[in-house]
C-alpha atoms as a PDB file:
ATOM      1  CA  MET A   1    -167.168 111.492  67.386  1.00  0.00           C
ATOM      2  CA  ASN A   2    -167.199 112.944  63.881  1.00  0.00           C
ATOM      3  CA  HIS A   3    -169.469 115.706  65.100  1.00  0.00           C
ATOM      4  CA  PHE A   4    -167.008 116.517  67.885  1.00  0.00           C
ATOM      5  CA  ILE A   5    -164.039 116.630  65.499  1.00  0.00           C
ATOM      6  CA  GLU A   6    -165.855 118.757  62.949  1.00  0.00           C
ATOM      7  CA  ASN A   7    -166.986 121.254  65.564  1.00  0.00           C
ATOM      8  CA  ALA A   8    -163.885 121.271  67.769  1.00  0.00           C
ATOM      9  CA  ASP A   9    -162.321 124.668  68.368  1.00  0.00           C
ATOM     10  CA  PHE A  10    -158.763 125.649  69.249  1.00  0.00           C
ATOM     11  CA  VAL A  11    -159.110 124.735  72.951  1.00  0.00           C
ATOM     12  CA  SER A  12    -160.545 121.276  72.245  1.00  0.00           C
ATOM     13  CA  ILE A  13    -157.853 120.513  69.677  1.00  0.00           C
ATOM     14  CA  THR A  14    -155.140 121.737  72.048  1.00  0.00           C
ATOM     15  CA  VAL A  15    -156.432 119.540  74.884  1.00  0.00           C
ATOM     16  CA  ALA A  16    -156.554 116.521  72.572  1.00  0.00           C
ATOM     17  CA  LEU A  17    -152.990 117.153  71.368  1.00  0.00           C
ATOM     18  CA  VAL A  18    -151.733 117.583  74.944  1.00  0.00           C
ATOM     19  CA  LEU A  19    -153.285 114.249  75.922  1.00  0.00           C
ATOM     20  CA  LEU A  20    -151.750 112.607  72.860  1.00  0.00           C
ATOM     21  CA  LEU A  21    -148.320 114.055  73.697  1.00  0.00           C
ATOM     22  CA  MET A  22    -148.565 112.867  77.314  1.00  0.00           C
ATOM     23  CA  SER A  23    -149.623 109.406  76.176  1.00  0.00           C
ATOM     24  CA  ILE A  24    -146.694 109.132  73.762  1.00  0.00           C
ATOM     25  CA  THR A  25    -144.284 110.381  76.444  1.00  0.00           C
ATOM     26  CA  SER A  26    -145.483 107.907  79.062  1.00  0.00           C
ATOM     27  CA  TRP A  27    -145.372 104.946  76.680  1.00  0.00           C
ATOM     28  CA  VAL A  28    -141.862 105.838  75.516  1.00  0.00           C
ATOM     29  CA  VAL A  29    -140.760 105.957  79.157  1.00  0.00           C
ATOM     30  CA  ILE A  30    -142.572 102.692  79.936  1.00  0.00           C
ATOM     31  CA  ILE A  31    -140.973 100.816  77.031  1.00  0.00           C
ATOM     32  CA  VAL A  32    -137.442 102.153  77.533  1.00  0.00           C
ATOM     33  CA  LYS A  33    -137.507 101.788  81.294  1.00  0.00           C
ATOM     34  CA  SER A  34    -139.003  98.302  81.197  1.00  0.00           C
ATOM     35  CA  TRP A  35    -136.080  97.163  79.059  1.00  0.00           C
ATOM     36  CA  LEU A  36    -133.578  98.907  81.368  1.00  0.00           C
ATOM     37  CA  LEU A  37    -135.001  97.353  84.531  1.00  0.00           C
ATOM     38  CA  ILE A  38    -135.212  93.895  82.982  1.00  0.00           C
ATOM     39  CA  GLN A  39    -131.514  94.119  82.104  1.00  0.00           C
ATOM     40  CA  ALA A  40    -130.619  95.470  85.545  1.00  0.00           C
ATOM     41  CA  LYS A  41    -132.523  92.797  87.478  1.00  0.00           C
ATOM     42  CA  LYS A  42    -130.774  90.124  85.434  1.00  0.00           C
ATOM     43  CA  GLN A  43    -127.241  91.507  85.253  1.00  0.00           C
ATOM     44  CA  ILE A  44    -126.700  93.087  88.684  1.00  0.00           C
ATOM     45  CA  PRO A  45    -127.153  89.894  90.775  1.00  0.00           C
ATOM     46  CA  GLN A  46    -124.991  87.928  88.334  1.00  0.00           C
ATOM     47  CA  ALA A  47    -122.275  90.583  88.376  1.00  0.00           C
ATOM     48  CA  ILE A  48    -122.253  90.794  92.176  1.00  0.00           C
ATOM     49  CA  ALA A  49    -122.063  87.013  92.507  1.00  0.00           C
ATOM     50  CA  ALA A  50    -119.188  86.868  90.019  1.00  0.00           C
ATOM     51  CA  PHE A  51    -117.379  89.649  91.893  1.00  0.00           C
ATOM     52  CA  TRP A  52    -117.299  87.782  95.188  1.00  0.00           C
ATOM     53  CA  GLN A  53    -116.306  84.472  93.608  1.00  0.00           C
ATOM     54  CA  ALA A  54    -113.097  85.932  92.148  1.00  0.00           C
ATOM     55  CA  PRO A  55    -109.755  85.363  93.944  1.00  0.00           C
ATOM     56  CA  ASP A  56    -108.587  89.013  93.948  1.00  0.00           C
ATOM     57  CA  LEU A  57    -109.867  92.533  93.324  1.00  0.00           C
ATOM     58  CA  GLU A  58    -108.662  92.864  89.741  1.00  0.00           C
ATOM     59  CA  SER A  59    -110.133  89.513  88.755  1.00  0.00           C
ATOM     60  CA  ALA A  60    -113.340  90.387  90.608  1.00  0.00           C
ATOM     61  CA  CYS A  61    -113.814  93.573  88.605  1.00  0.00           C
ATOM     62  CA  GLN A  62    -113.143  91.767  85.328  1.00  0.00           C
ATOM     63  CA  ALA A  63    -115.555  88.978  86.225  1.00  0.00           C
ATOM     64  CA  SER A  64    -118.213  91.487  87.196  1.00  0.00           C
ATOM     65  CA  VAL A  65    -117.872  93.426  83.951  1.00  0.00           C
ATOM     66  CA  ALA A  66    -118.338  90.218  81.974  1.00  0.00           C
ATOM     67  CA  PHE A  67    -121.875  89.920  83.357  1.00  0.00           C
ATOM     68  CA  ASP A  68    -122.655  93.621  83.767  1.00  0.00           C
ATOM     69  CA  LYS A  69    -122.987  94.458  80.068  1.00  0.00           C
ATOM     70  CA  LYS A  70    -124.671  97.816  80.711  1.00  0.00           C
ATOM     71  CA  GLY A  71    -122.131  98.921  83.319  1.00  0.00           C
ATOM     72  CA  PHE A  72    -124.611  99.324  86.182  1.00  0.00           C
ATOM     73  CA  LEU A  73    -121.857  98.689  88.755  1.00  0.00           C
ATOM     74  CA  ASN A  74    -119.096 100.643  87.046  1.00  0.00           C
ATOM     75  CA  PRO A  75    -119.178 103.689  89.376  1.00  0.00           C
ATOM     76  CA  LEU A  76    -118.775 101.478  92.445  1.00  0.00           C
ATOM     77  CA  LEU A  77    -116.099  99.288  90.865  1.00  0.00           C
ATOM     78  CA  ASP A  78    -114.164 102.323  89.650  1.00  0.00           C
ATOM     79  CA  THR A  79    -114.255 103.733  93.170  1.00  0.00           C
ATOM     80  CA  VAL A  80    -112.839 100.550  94.653  1.00  0.00           C
ATOM     81  CA  LYS A  81    -110.124 100.220  91.999  1.00  0.00           C
ATOM     82  CA  ASN A  82    -109.011 103.842  91.740  1.00  0.00           C
ATOM     83  CA  THR A  83    -109.447 105.299  95.220  1.00  0.00           C
ATOM     84  CA  THR A  84    -106.218 105.501  97.214  1.00  0.00           C
ATOM     85  CA  PRO A  85    -105.420 107.233 100.513  1.00  0.00           C
ATOM     86  CA  ASP A  86    -103.741 110.128  98.650  1.00  0.00           C
ATOM     87  CA  ARG A  87    -106.964 110.838  96.786  1.00  0.00           C
ATOM     88  CA  LEU A  88    -109.203 110.781  99.836  1.00  0.00           C
ATOM     89  CA  SER A  89    -109.884 113.631 102.219  1.00  0.00           C
ATOM     90  CA  LEU A  90    -107.274 112.675 104.763  1.00  0.00           C
ATOM     91  CA  GLU A  91    -108.677 115.089 107.332  1.00  0.00           C
ATOM     92  CA  LEU A  92    -111.641 112.754 107.798  1.00  0.00           C
ATOM     93  CA  PRO A  93    -111.624 109.404 109.639  1.00  0.00           C
ATOM     94  CA  VAL A  94    -111.291 106.334 107.425  1.00  0.00           C
ATOM     95  CA  GLU A  95    -114.922 105.295 107.877  1.00  0.00           C
ATOM     96  CA  ALA A  96    -116.180 108.765 106.974  1.00  0.00           C
ATOM     97  CA  ARG A  97    -113.928 108.934 103.908  1.00  0.00           C
ATOM     98  CA  VAL A  98    -115.039 105.523 102.693  1.00  0.00           C
ATOM     99  CA  THR A  99    -118.704 106.318 103.318  1.00  0.00           C
ATOM    100  CA  ARG A 100    -118.416 109.558 101.366  1.00  0.00           C
ATOM    101  CA  VAL A 101    -116.869 108.117  98.212  1.00  0.00           C
ATOM    102  CA  LEU A 102    -119.129 105.070  98.174  1.00  0.00           C
ATOM    103  CA  ARG A 103    -122.219 107.167  98.798  1.00  0.00           C
ATOM    104  CA  ASP A 104    -121.391 109.365  95.804  1.00  0.00           C
ATOM    105  CA  SER A 105    -120.761 106.324  93.619  1.00  0.00           C
ATOM    106  CA  LEU A 106    -124.005 104.697  94.728  1.00  0.00           C
ATOM    107  CA  GLN A 107    -125.947 107.805  93.755  1.00  0.00           C
ATOM    108  CA  VAL A 108    -124.385 107.645  90.295  1.00  0.00           C
ATOM    109  CA  CYS A 109    -125.410 103.982  90.006  1.00  0.00           C
ATOM    110  CA  LEU A 110    -129.008 104.723  90.989  1.00  0.00           C
ATOM    111  CA  LYS A 111    -129.456 107.828  88.836  1.00  0.00           C
ATOM    112  CA  PRO A 112    -130.338 105.997  85.574  1.00  0.00           C
ATOM    113  CA  PHE A 113    -133.141 104.112  87.316  1.00  0.00           C
ATOM    114  CA  GLU A 114    -134.825 107.328  88.432  1.00  0.00           C
ATOM    115  CA  TRP A 115    -135.103 108.516  84.837  1.00  0.00           C
ATOM    116  CA  GLY A 116    -138.713 108.931  83.713  1.00  0.00           C
ATOM    117  CA  GLN A 117    -140.303 108.582  87.147  1.00  0.00           C
ATOM    118  CA  VAL A 118    -141.153 112.288  87.332  1.00  0.00           C
ATOM    119  CA  ALA A 119    -142.660 112.171  83.842  1.00  0.00           C
ATOM    120  CA  LEU A 120    -144.859 109.187  84.722  1.00  0.00           C
ATOM    121  CA  ALA A 121    -145.983 110.799  87.973  1.00  0.00           C
ATOM    122  CA  THR A 122    -146.792 114.047  86.164  1.00  0.00           C
ATOM    123  CA  VAL A 123    -148.768 112.333  83.411  1.00  0.00           C
ATOM    124  CA  GLY A 124    -150.621 110.152  85.877  1.00  0.00           C
ATOM    125  CA  SER A 125    -151.669 113.076  88.055  1.00  0.00           C
ATOM    126  CA  ILE A 126    -152.415 115.723  85.420  1.00  0.00           C
ATOM    127  CA  SER A 127    -153.973 113.893  82.460  1.00  0.00           C
ATOM    128  CA  PRO A 128    -157.378 113.209  84.138  1.00  0.00           C
ATOM    129  CA  PHE A 129    -157.756 116.927  84.816  1.00  0.00           C
ATOM    130  CA  VAL A 130    -156.714 117.794  81.270  1.00  0.00           C
ATOM    131  CA  GLY A 131    -159.339 115.374  79.978  1.00  0.00           C
ATOM    132  CA  LEU A 132    -161.928 116.879  82.325  1.00  0.00           C
ATOM    133  CA  LEU A 133    -161.068 120.338  81.045  1.00  0.00           C
ATOM    134  CA  GLY A 134    -161.644 119.114  77.503  1.00  0.00           C
ATOM    135  CA  THR A 135    -165.008 117.638  78.503  1.00  0.00           C
ATOM    136  CA  VAL A 136    -166.189 120.804  80.255  1.00  0.00           C
ATOM    137  CA  TRP A 137    -165.102 122.970  77.363  1.00  0.00           C
ATOM    138  CA  GLY A 138    -166.641 120.582  74.820  1.00  0.00           C
ATOM    139  CA  ILE A 139    -169.999 120.583  76.613  1.00  0.00           C
ATOM    140  CA  TYR A 140    -169.927 124.362  76.892  1.00  0.00           C
ATOM    141  CA  HIS A 141    -169.034 124.692  73.226  1.00  0.00           C
ATOM    142  CA  ALA A 142    -171.821 122.274  72.235  1.00  0.00           C
ATOM    143  CA  LEU A 143    -174.470 124.032  74.347  1.00  0.00           C
ATOM    144  CA  VAL A 144    -173.497 127.412  72.964  1.00  0.00           C
ATOM    145  CA  GLY A 145    -173.916 126.030  69.454  1.00  0.00           C
ATOM    146  CA  MET A 146    -177.365 124.690  70.329  1.00  0.00           C
ATOM    147  CA  ALA A 147    -178.531 127.934  71.882  1.00  0.00           C
ATOM    148  CA  GLY A 148    -179.772 129.387  68.632  1.00  0.00           C
ATOM    149  CA  VAL A 149    -181.362 126.230  67.300  1.00  0.00           C
ATOM    150  CA  GLY A 150    -184.901 126.513  68.787  1.00  0.00           C
ATOM    151  CA  ALA A 151    -186.527 123.388  70.107  1.00  0.00           C
ATOM    152  CA  LEU A 152    -184.061 120.583  70.793  1.00  0.00           C
ATOM    153  CA  THR A 153    -184.629 116.864  70.970  1.00  0.00           C
ATOM    154  CA  LEU A 154    -182.855 114.524  73.365  1.00  0.00           C
ATOM    155  CA  ASP A 155    -180.794 113.106  70.512  1.00  0.00           C
ATOM    156  CA  GLN A 156    -179.576 116.551  69.543  1.00  0.00           C
ATOM    157  CA  VAL A 157    -178.364 117.211  73.083  1.00  0.00           C
ATOM    158  CA  SER A 158    -177.036 113.794  74.080  1.00  0.00           C
ATOM    159  CA  GLY A 159    -174.917 113.354  70.933  1.00  0.00           C
ATOM    160  CA  PRO A 160    -172.548 116.338  71.317  1.00  0.00           C
ATOM    161  CA  VAL A 161    -172.488 116.062  75.109  1.00  0.00           C
ATOM    162  CA  GLY A 162    -171.679 112.346  74.965  1.00  0.00           C
ATOM    163  CA  GLU A 163    -168.913 113.009  72.468  1.00  0.00           C
ATOM    164  CA  ALA A 164    -167.442 115.665  74.762  1.00  0.00           C
ATOM    165  CA  LEU A 165    -167.311 113.120  77.593  1.00  0.00           C
ATOM    166  CA  ILE A 166    -164.844 111.120  75.500  1.00  0.00           C
ATOM    167  CA  MET A 167    -162.187 113.593  76.600  1.00  0.00           C
ATOM    168  CA  THR A 168    -162.597 112.476  80.212  1.00  0.00           C
ATOM    169  CA  ALA A 169    -162.246 108.850  79.160  1.00  0.00           C
ATOM    170  CA  ALA A 170    -159.160 109.791  77.131  1.00  0.00           C
ATOM    171  CA  GLY A 171    -157.620 111.481  80.161  1.00  0.00           C
ATOM    172  CA  LEU A 172    -158.171 108.374  82.278  1.00  0.00           C
ATOM    173  CA  ALA A 173    -156.810 106.134  79.512  1.00  0.00           C
ATOM    174  CA  VAL A 174    -153.621 108.191  79.486  1.00  0.00           C
ATOM    175  CA  ALA A 175    -153.329 108.290  83.289  1.00  0.00           C
ATOM    176  CA  LEU A 176    -153.880 104.622  84.153  1.00  0.00           C
ATOM    177  CA  PRO A 177    -150.829 103.136  82.349  1.00  0.00           C
ATOM    178  CA  ALA A 178    -148.622 105.909  83.709  1.00  0.00           C
ATOM    179  CA  VAL A 179    -149.763 105.371  87.305  1.00  0.00           C
ATOM    180  CA  LEU A 180    -149.433 101.582  87.089  1.00  0.00           C
ATOM    181  CA  ALA A 181    -145.991 101.832  85.516  1.00  0.00           C
ATOM    182  CA  TYR A 182    -144.862 104.359  88.130  1.00  0.00           C
ATOM    183  CA  ASN A 183    -145.854 102.058  90.981  1.00  0.00           C
ATOM    184  CA  ILE A 184    -144.383  98.917  89.387  1.00  0.00           C
ATOM    185  CA  PHE A 185    -141.139 100.656  88.469  1.00  0.00           C
ATOM    186  CA  GLY A 186    -140.910 102.178  91.938  1.00  0.00           C
ATOM    187  CA  ARG A 187    -141.019  98.748  93.519  1.00  0.00           C
ATOM    188  CA  GLN A 188    -138.445  97.343  91.099  1.00  0.00           C
ATOM    189  CA  ILE A 189    -136.148 100.323  91.653  1.00  0.00           C
ATOM    190  CA  GLY A 190    -136.450  99.741  95.385  1.00  0.00           C
ATOM    191  CA  GLN A 191    -135.341  96.132  94.959  1.00  0.00           C
ATOM    192  CA  ILE A 192    -132.392  97.153  92.790  1.00  0.00           C
ATOM    193  CA  SER A 193    -131.483  99.887  95.269  1.00  0.00           C
ATOM    194  CA  GLU A 194    -131.426  97.373  98.115  1.00  0.00           C
ATOM    195  CA  ALA A 195    -129.114  95.087  96.148  1.00  0.00           C
ATOM    196  CA  LEU A 196    -126.755  97.949  95.321  1.00  0.00           C
ATOM    197  CA  GLN A 197    -126.782  99.241  98.876  1.00  0.00           C
ATOM    198  CA  GLY A 198    -125.899  95.778 100.182  1.00  0.00           C
ATOM    199  CA  PHE A 199    -123.052  95.516  97.673  1.00  0.00           C
ATOM    200  CA  THR A 200    -121.857  98.992  98.635  1.00  0.00           C
ATOM    201  CA  TYR A 201    -121.860  98.066 102.309  1.00  0.00           C
ATOM    202  CA  ASP A 202    -119.741  95.001 101.564  1.00  0.00           C
ATOM    203  CA  LEU A 203    -117.297  97.068  99.517  1.00  0.00           C
ATOM    204  CA  ARG A 204    -116.592  99.261 102.526  1.00  0.00           C
ATOM    205  CA  SER A 205    -114.362  96.584 103.998  1.00  0.00           C
ATOM    206  CA  ILE A 206    -112.194  96.584 100.866  1.00  0.00           C
ATOM    207  CA  LEU A 207    -111.826 100.359 100.818  1.00  0.00           C
ATOM    208  CA  GLU A 208    -111.192 100.581 104.561  1.00  0.00           C
ATOM    209  CA  LYS A 209    -108.480  97.939 104.255  1.00  0.00           C
ATOM    210  CA  ASN A 210    -106.796  99.788 101.368  1.00  0.00           C
ATOM    211  CA  SER A 211    -107.065 103.248 102.968  1.00  0.00           C
END
């Protein structure tokens, strides 16, 4: 490894730094998003349950907010509280109007959970190829350096080449956590999305009644 570091050129250093940056990015996303999803999976069911146990709409929103510390349901609750017939597109049928406003609010609710998914997918798909590029370039660089050395022993060849292969392992080490996190988060986001969609469907009756 020391030999690789001492003899690394601009390309090898750049590849190593890119892999390091991608690793840091993916782990920041993993840590932040894990905390967000843990809070959401705990607070959203409690907030929805509290909402439906309240005697009226105002009390329901207050009860929901007491459990929803991060405000995951706020866009939907604000829609139910603040939407009146005068503020809707009266040219549309009631069902279409209600569907439109709730659909927009649901998208706002789901947006925070999509954060970081593109970054994880990008890191997971690109980092192995970046590591492979570093390996190919490292082997080429090592062989060029050996070209003028005369007779070579197996140790002289296997050392630099083996060190260059570390870049491939580094690329895989960066990719695996990102891919696993992407898949796990995707499933959790799907579960949260189903819960929010069910809540949104139930809220339609309230909006249709008030419209």
